[in-house]
Amino acid sequence: MKLIVAVIRPEKLNDVLEALFKAEVRGLTVSRVQGHGGETERVETYRGTTVKMELHEKVRLEIAVSEAFVEPTVEAILRAGRTGEVGDGKVFVLPLERVYRIRTGETDAAAVTPIA
């Protein structure tokens, strides 16, 4: 099992969600975040004061998947989230030690696999 964490552009969220749905990836968490990566810093003037804008709005996706879904999930995010510009984001794949489904008590792969 893996935990896939993706940080993407907010305007690409709908495209990524559609790609994940088509890849049959279900169950994720979406958070609005701010961050700074490879984007160049912007300097703006606000009410006569120069302000260095360092943080950018991003969306963070967290998706727990079984091994069979790792590659389809990553590929869907990469394909749908890419604009080709600096600031497209990152995808992290982390080992996931244990998962528990609270409602049923299922564990591990059974807890991250979609139910019919």
N, C-alpha and C. Protein backbone atom coordinates (compact mmCIF):
# COMPACT_ATOMS: atom_id res chain seq x y z
N MET A 1 0.83 -1.18 0.00
CA MET A 1 0.00 0.00 0.00
C MET A 1 0.88 1.24 0.00
N LYS A 2 0.36 2.29 -0.65
CA LYS A 2 1.11 3.54 -0.74
C LYS A 2 0.17 4.71 -0.47
N LEU A 3 0.76 5.79 0.01
CA LEU A 3 0.06 7.05 0.15
C LEU A 3 0.62 7.97 -0.92
N ILE A 4 -0.24 8.40 -1.83
CA ILE A 4 0.18 9.30 -2.89
C ILE A 4 -0.24 10.70 -2.50
N VAL A 5 0.74 11.60 -2.43
CA VAL A 5 0.48 13.00 -2.11
C VAL A 5 0.87 13.81 -3.34
N ALA A 6 -0.08 14.56 -3.85
CA ALA A 6 0.18 15.38 -5.04
C ALA A 6 -0.12 16.83 -4.70
N VAL A 7 0.74 17.72 -5.14
CA VAL A 7 0.52 19.16 -5.01
C VAL A 7 0.40 19.70 -6.43
N ILE A 8 -0.77 20.26 -6.76
CA ILE A 8 -1.04 20.67 -8.13
C ILE A 8 -1.57 22.10 -8.17
N ARG A 9 -1.67 22.63 -9.38
CA ARG A 9 -2.28 23.94 -9.58
C ARG A 9 -3.78 23.85 -9.32
N PRO A 10 -4.37 24.86 -8.66
CA PRO A 10 -5.81 24.82 -8.40
C PRO A 10 -6.65 24.70 -9.66
N GLU A 11 -6.22 25.35 -10.74
CA GLU A 11 -7.00 25.32 -11.97
C GLU A 11 -6.98 23.96 -12.66
N LYS A 12 -6.10 23.06 -12.23
CA LYS A 12 -6.01 21.72 -12.82
C LYS A 12 -6.78 20.68 -11.99
N LEU A 13 -7.38 21.10 -10.88
CA LEU A 13 -8.04 20.14 -9.99
C LEU A 13 -9.13 19.36 -10.70
N ASN A 14 -10.04 20.01 -11.41
CA ASN A 14 -11.12 19.29 -12.08
C ASN A 14 -10.59 18.30 -13.11
N ASP A 15 -9.56 18.69 -13.84
CA ASP A 15 -8.95 17.78 -14.83
C ASP A 15 -8.37 16.55 -14.14
N VAL A 16 -7.68 16.77 -13.03
CA VAL A 16 -7.06 15.66 -12.30
C VAL A 16 -8.14 14.75 -11.70
N LEU A 17 -9.18 15.33 -11.12
CA LEU A 17 -10.25 14.51 -10.55
C LEU A 17 -10.93 13.67 -11.62
N GLU A 18 -11.14 14.23 -12.80
CA GLU A 18 -11.74 13.48 -13.90
C GLU A 18 -10.83 12.34 -14.34
N ALA A 19 -9.53 12.61 -14.43
CA ALA A 19 -8.57 11.57 -14.83
C ALA A 19 -8.52 10.45 -13.79
N LEU A 20 -8.57 10.80 -12.51
CA LEU A 20 -8.57 9.79 -11.45
C LEU A 20 -9.84 8.94 -11.52
N PHE A 21 -10.98 9.58 -11.78
CA PHE A 21 -12.24 8.85 -11.90
C PHE A 21 -12.16 7.86 -13.06
N LYS A 22 -11.62 8.30 -14.19
CA LYS A 22 -11.49 7.42 -15.36
C LYS A 22 -10.51 6.27 -15.09
N ALA A 23 -9.54 6.50 -14.21
CA ALA A 23 -8.58 5.45 -13.84
C ALA A 23 -9.12 4.57 -12.72
N GLU A 24 -10.40 4.79 -12.34
CA GLU A 24 -11.08 4.02 -11.31
C GLU A 24 -10.45 4.18 -9.93
N VAL A 25 -9.84 5.34 -9.70
CA VAL A 25 -9.27 5.64 -8.39
C VAL A 25 -10.35 6.35 -7.58
N ARG A 26 -10.70 5.78 -6.44
CA ARG A 26 -11.75 6.34 -5.61
C ARG A 26 -11.19 6.62 -4.22
N GLY A 27 -11.72 7.61 -3.57
CA GLY A 27 -11.33 7.90 -2.19
C GLY A 27 -10.09 8.76 -2.13
N LEU A 28 -10.29 10.05 -1.87
CA LEU A 28 -9.15 10.95 -1.76
C LEU A 28 -9.52 12.11 -0.87
N THR A 29 -8.52 12.83 -0.44
CA THR A 29 -8.70 14.03 0.36
C THR A 29 -8.10 15.19 -0.41
N VAL A 30 -8.82 16.31 -0.46
CA VAL A 30 -8.37 17.51 -1.17
C VAL A 30 -8.27 18.65 -0.17
N SER A 31 -7.13 19.33 -0.17
CA SER A 31 -6.91 20.48 0.71
C SER A 31 -6.35 21.64 -0.08
N ARG A 32 -6.79 22.85 0.25
CA ARG A 32 -6.20 24.06 -0.33
C ARG A 32 -4.99 24.41 0.52
N VAL A 33 -3.85 24.60 -0.13
CA VAL A 33 -2.60 24.89 0.59
C VAL A 33 -1.87 26.03 -0.10
N GLN A 34 -0.83 26.53 0.54
CA GLN A 34 0.06 27.51 -0.06
C GLN A 34 1.47 26.95 -0.01
N GLY A 35 2.25 27.27 -1.02
CA GLY A 35 3.61 26.76 -1.02
C GLY A 35 4.49 27.50 -2.00
N HIS A 36 5.74 27.13 -1.98
CA HIS A 36 6.72 27.75 -2.86
C HIS A 36 7.66 26.67 -3.37
N GLY A 37 7.83 26.64 -4.67
CA GLY A 37 8.73 25.66 -5.26
C GLY A 37 9.66 26.36 -6.22
N GLY A 38 9.61 25.96 -7.48
CA GLY A 38 10.51 26.50 -8.48
C GLY A 38 10.05 27.78 -9.15
N GLU A 39 8.86 28.26 -8.77
CA GLU A 39 8.37 29.49 -9.39
C GLU A 39 9.28 30.66 -9.03
N THR A 40 9.42 31.58 -9.95
CA THR A 40 10.20 32.78 -9.65
C THR A 40 9.38 33.67 -8.74
N GLU A 41 10.07 34.39 -7.90
CA GLU A 41 9.38 35.28 -6.97
C GLU A 41 8.82 36.48 -7.71
N ARG A 42 7.63 36.88 -7.32
CA ARG A 42 7.01 38.07 -7.89
C ARG A 42 7.14 39.20 -6.89
N VAL A 43 7.38 40.38 -7.40
CA VAL A 43 7.40 41.57 -6.55
C VAL A 43 6.26 42.45 -7.02
N GLU A 44 5.35 42.79 -6.11
CA GLU A 44 4.21 43.61 -6.44
C GLU A 44 4.17 44.84 -5.54
N THR A 45 3.52 45.85 -6.03
CA THR A 45 3.34 47.05 -5.22
C THR A 45 1.89 47.08 -4.76
N TYR A 46 1.71 47.16 -3.46
CA TYR A 46 0.39 47.19 -2.86
C TYR A 46 0.29 48.42 -1.98
N ARG A 47 -0.56 49.37 -2.37
CA ARG A 47 -0.74 50.61 -1.63
C ARG A 47 0.59 51.33 -1.36
N GLY A 48 1.41 51.37 -2.39
CA GLY A 48 2.67 52.08 -2.29
C GLY A 48 3.79 51.32 -1.62
N THR A 49 3.52 50.09 -1.18
CA THR A 49 4.53 49.29 -0.51
C THR A 49 4.91 48.12 -1.41
N THR A 50 6.20 47.86 -1.56
CA THR A 50 6.67 46.74 -2.35
C THR A 50 6.58 45.47 -1.51
N VAL A 51 5.90 44.48 -2.05
CA VAL A 51 5.68 43.22 -1.33
C VAL A 51 6.23 42.08 -2.18
N LYS A 52 7.00 41.22 -1.56
CA LYS A 52 7.53 40.05 -2.25
C LYS A 52 6.53 38.91 -2.06
N MET A 53 5.94 38.46 -3.16
CA MET A 53 4.94 37.38 -3.11
C MET A 53 5.67 36.05 -3.27
N GLU A 54 5.81 35.31 -2.18
CA GLU A 54 6.58 34.08 -2.24
C GLU A 54 5.72 32.81 -2.23
N LEU A 55 4.53 32.86 -1.64
CA LEU A 55 3.71 31.67 -1.54
C LEU A 55 2.64 31.68 -2.64
N HIS A 56 2.40 30.49 -3.20
CA HIS A 56 1.43 30.35 -4.27
C HIS A 56 0.32 29.41 -3.83
N GLU A 57 -0.89 29.69 -4.29
CA GLU A 57 -2.03 28.81 -4.00
C GLU A 57 -1.83 27.49 -4.73
N LYS A 58 -2.03 26.40 -4.02
CA LYS A 58 -1.93 25.05 -4.59
C LYS A 58 -3.05 24.20 -4.02
N VAL A 59 -3.21 23.02 -4.58
CA VAL A 59 -4.15 22.03 -4.06
C VAL A 59 -3.36 20.78 -3.73
N ARG A 60 -3.61 20.22 -2.56
CA ARG A 60 -2.93 19.00 -2.12
C ARG A 60 -3.93 17.84 -2.15
N LEU A 61 -3.57 16.79 -2.85
CA LEU A 61 -4.39 15.58 -2.90
C LEU A 61 -3.68 14.49 -2.11
N GLU A 62 -4.42 13.76 -1.31
CA GLU A 62 -3.88 12.61 -0.59
C GLU A 62 -4.74 11.41 -0.95
N ILE A 63 -4.09 10.36 -1.46
CA ILE A 63 -4.80 9.19 -1.95
C ILE A 63 -4.10 7.94 -1.46
N ALA A 64 -4.79 7.11 -0.70
CA ALA A 64 -4.25 5.83 -0.25
C ALA A 64 -4.68 4.77 -1.24
N VAL A 65 -3.72 4.03 -1.78
CA VAL A 65 -4.04 3.02 -2.80
C VAL A 65 -3.29 1.71 -2.52
N SER A 66 -3.85 0.63 -3.07
CA SER A 66 -3.14 -0.64 -3.04
C SER A 66 -2.09 -0.61 -4.14
N GLU A 67 -1.17 -1.55 -4.12
CA GLU A 67 -0.05 -1.56 -5.06
C GLU A 67 -0.50 -1.49 -6.52
N ALA A 68 -1.58 -2.16 -6.86
CA ALA A 68 -2.04 -2.20 -8.25
C ALA A 68 -2.48 -0.83 -8.76
N PHE A 69 -2.83 0.06 -7.87
CA PHE A 69 -3.32 1.37 -8.27
C PHE A 69 -2.26 2.47 -8.24
N VAL A 70 -1.04 2.16 -7.83
CA VAL A 70 -0.01 3.20 -7.72
C VAL A 70 0.28 3.82 -9.08
N GLU A 71 0.66 3.03 -10.05
CA GLU A 71 1.03 3.57 -11.36
C GLU A 71 -0.14 4.25 -12.07
N PRO A 72 -1.34 3.63 -12.12
CA PRO A 72 -2.46 4.33 -12.76
C PRO A 72 -2.78 5.67 -12.10
N THR A 73 -2.65 5.74 -10.78
CA THR A 73 -2.94 6.98 -10.05
C THR A 73 -1.92 8.05 -10.39
N VAL A 74 -0.64 7.70 -10.33
CA VAL A 74 0.43 8.66 -10.63
C VAL A 74 0.33 9.12 -12.08
N GLU A 75 0.11 8.19 -13.00
CA GLU A 75 0.00 8.56 -14.42
C GLU A 75 -1.17 9.50 -14.67
N ALA A 76 -2.30 9.26 -14.03
CA ALA A 76 -3.47 10.12 -14.20
C ALA A 76 -3.17 11.54 -13.71
N ILE A 77 -2.50 11.64 -12.57
CA ILE A 77 -2.17 12.96 -12.01
C ILE A 77 -1.18 13.69 -12.92
N LEU A 78 -0.14 12.98 -13.36
CA LEU A 78 0.87 13.60 -14.21
C LEU A 78 0.27 14.08 -15.54
N ARG A 79 -0.54 13.24 -16.14
CA ARG A 79 -1.13 13.58 -17.44
C ARG A 79 -2.10 14.77 -17.33
N ALA A 80 -2.98 14.74 -16.34
CA ALA A 80 -4.01 15.77 -16.23
C ALA A 80 -3.52 17.04 -15.55
N GLY A 81 -2.46 16.95 -14.76
CA GLY A 81 -1.98 18.12 -14.02
C GLY A 81 -0.92 18.93 -14.73
N ARG A 82 -0.43 18.43 -15.85
CA ARG A 82 0.70 19.06 -16.53
C ARG A 82 0.25 20.21 -17.43
N THR A 83 0.92 21.37 -17.26
CA THR A 83 0.75 22.48 -18.21
C THR A 83 2.04 22.71 -18.98
N GLY A 84 3.14 22.19 -18.44
CA GLY A 84 4.44 22.40 -19.06
C GLY A 84 5.16 23.63 -18.54
N GLU A 85 4.53 24.33 -17.62
CA GLU A 85 5.13 25.54 -17.04
C GLU A 85 5.69 25.23 -15.66
N VAL A 86 6.62 26.08 -15.21
CA VAL A 86 7.14 25.97 -13.85
C VAL A 86 5.97 26.16 -12.89
N GLY A 87 5.91 25.32 -11.85
CA GLY A 87 4.84 25.44 -10.87
C GLY A 87 3.73 24.43 -11.04
N ASP A 88 3.93 23.44 -11.92
CA ASP A 88 2.90 22.41 -12.11
C ASP A 88 2.71 21.55 -10.86
N GLY A 89 3.72 21.42 -10.03
CA GLY A 89 3.57 20.67 -8.79
C GLY A 89 4.47 19.45 -8.71
N LYS A 90 4.14 18.61 -7.74
CA LYS A 90 4.93 17.39 -7.47
C LYS A 90 3.98 16.27 -7.07
N VAL A 91 4.47 15.04 -7.25
CA VAL A 91 3.76 13.85 -6.77
C VAL A 91 4.74 13.07 -5.91
N PHE A 92 4.32 12.73 -4.70
CA PHE A 92 5.14 11.96 -3.77
C PHE A 92 4.45 10.61 -3.53
N VAL A 93 5.22 9.52 -3.55
CA VAL A 93 4.68 8.20 -3.26
C VAL A 93 5.38 7.71 -1.99
N LEU A 94 4.57 7.50 -0.95
CA LEU A 94 5.10 7.14 0.36
C LEU A 94 4.61 5.75 0.78
N PRO A 95 5.44 4.99 1.49
CA PRO A 95 4.95 3.70 1.99
C PRO A 95 3.87 3.93 3.05
N LEU A 96 2.91 3.04 3.07
CA LEU A 96 1.79 3.14 4.00
C LEU A 96 1.78 1.88 4.83
N GLU A 97 2.02 2.02 6.11
CA GLU A 97 2.19 0.87 6.98
C GLU A 97 0.88 0.15 7.28
N ARG A 98 -0.13 0.87 7.73
CA ARG A 98 -1.42 0.26 8.08
C ARG A 98 -2.55 1.21 7.68
N VAL A 99 -3.69 0.61 7.31
CA VAL A 99 -4.91 1.37 7.02
C VAL A 99 -6.06 0.66 7.70
N TYR A 100 -6.95 1.43 8.31
CA TYR A 100 -8.14 0.88 8.95
C TYR A 100 -9.37 1.60 8.41
N ARG A 101 -10.36 0.85 7.98
CA ARG A 101 -11.65 1.45 7.62
C ARG A 101 -12.48 1.49 8.90
N ILE A 102 -12.81 2.67 9.35
CA ILE A 102 -13.50 2.83 10.63
C ILE A 102 -14.85 2.13 10.63
N ARG A 103 -15.63 2.29 9.56
CA ARG A 103 -17.00 1.75 9.52
C ARG A 103 -17.04 0.24 9.68
N THR A 104 -16.14 -0.49 9.01
CA THR A 104 -16.22 -1.96 8.99
C THR A 104 -15.12 -2.65 9.78
N GLY A 105 -14.06 -1.92 10.08
CA GLY A 105 -12.93 -2.54 10.75
C GLY A 105 -11.98 -3.23 9.80
N GLU A 106 -12.24 -3.15 8.48
CA GLU A 106 -11.34 -3.75 7.50
C GLU A 106 -9.97 -3.09 7.61
N THR A 107 -8.94 -3.85 7.24
CA THR A 107 -7.59 -3.31 7.34
C THR A 107 -6.86 -3.44 6.01
N ASP A 108 -5.83 -2.63 5.88
CA ASP A 108 -4.89 -2.67 4.78
C ASP A 108 -5.56 -2.63 3.41
N ALA A 109 -5.21 -3.54 2.47
CA ALA A 109 -5.71 -3.45 1.10
C ALA A 109 -7.23 -3.45 1.04
N ALA A 110 -7.89 -4.21 1.90
CA ALA A 110 -9.35 -4.22 1.92
C ALA A 110 -9.91 -2.87 2.30
N ALA A 111 -9.17 -2.11 3.08
CA ALA A 111 -9.65 -0.80 3.53
C ALA A 111 -9.44 0.30 2.48
N VAL A 112 -8.53 0.11 1.53
CA VAL A 112 -8.31 1.13 0.51
C VAL A 112 -8.92 0.75 -0.84
N THR A 113 -9.38 -0.49 -0.97
CA THR A 113 -9.98 -0.93 -2.21
C THR A 113 -11.45 -0.50 -2.22
N PRO A 114 -11.90 0.08 -3.35
CA PRO A 114 -13.30 0.51 -3.42
C PRO A 114 -14.27 -0.64 -3.19
N ILE A 115 -15.38 -0.33 -2.55
CA ILE A 115 -16.40 -1.36 -2.32
C ILE A 115 -17.48 -1.25 -3.39
N ALA A 116 -18.00 -2.37 -3.80
CA ALA A 116 -19.02 -2.40 -4.86
C ALA A 116 -20.40 -2.14 -4.32
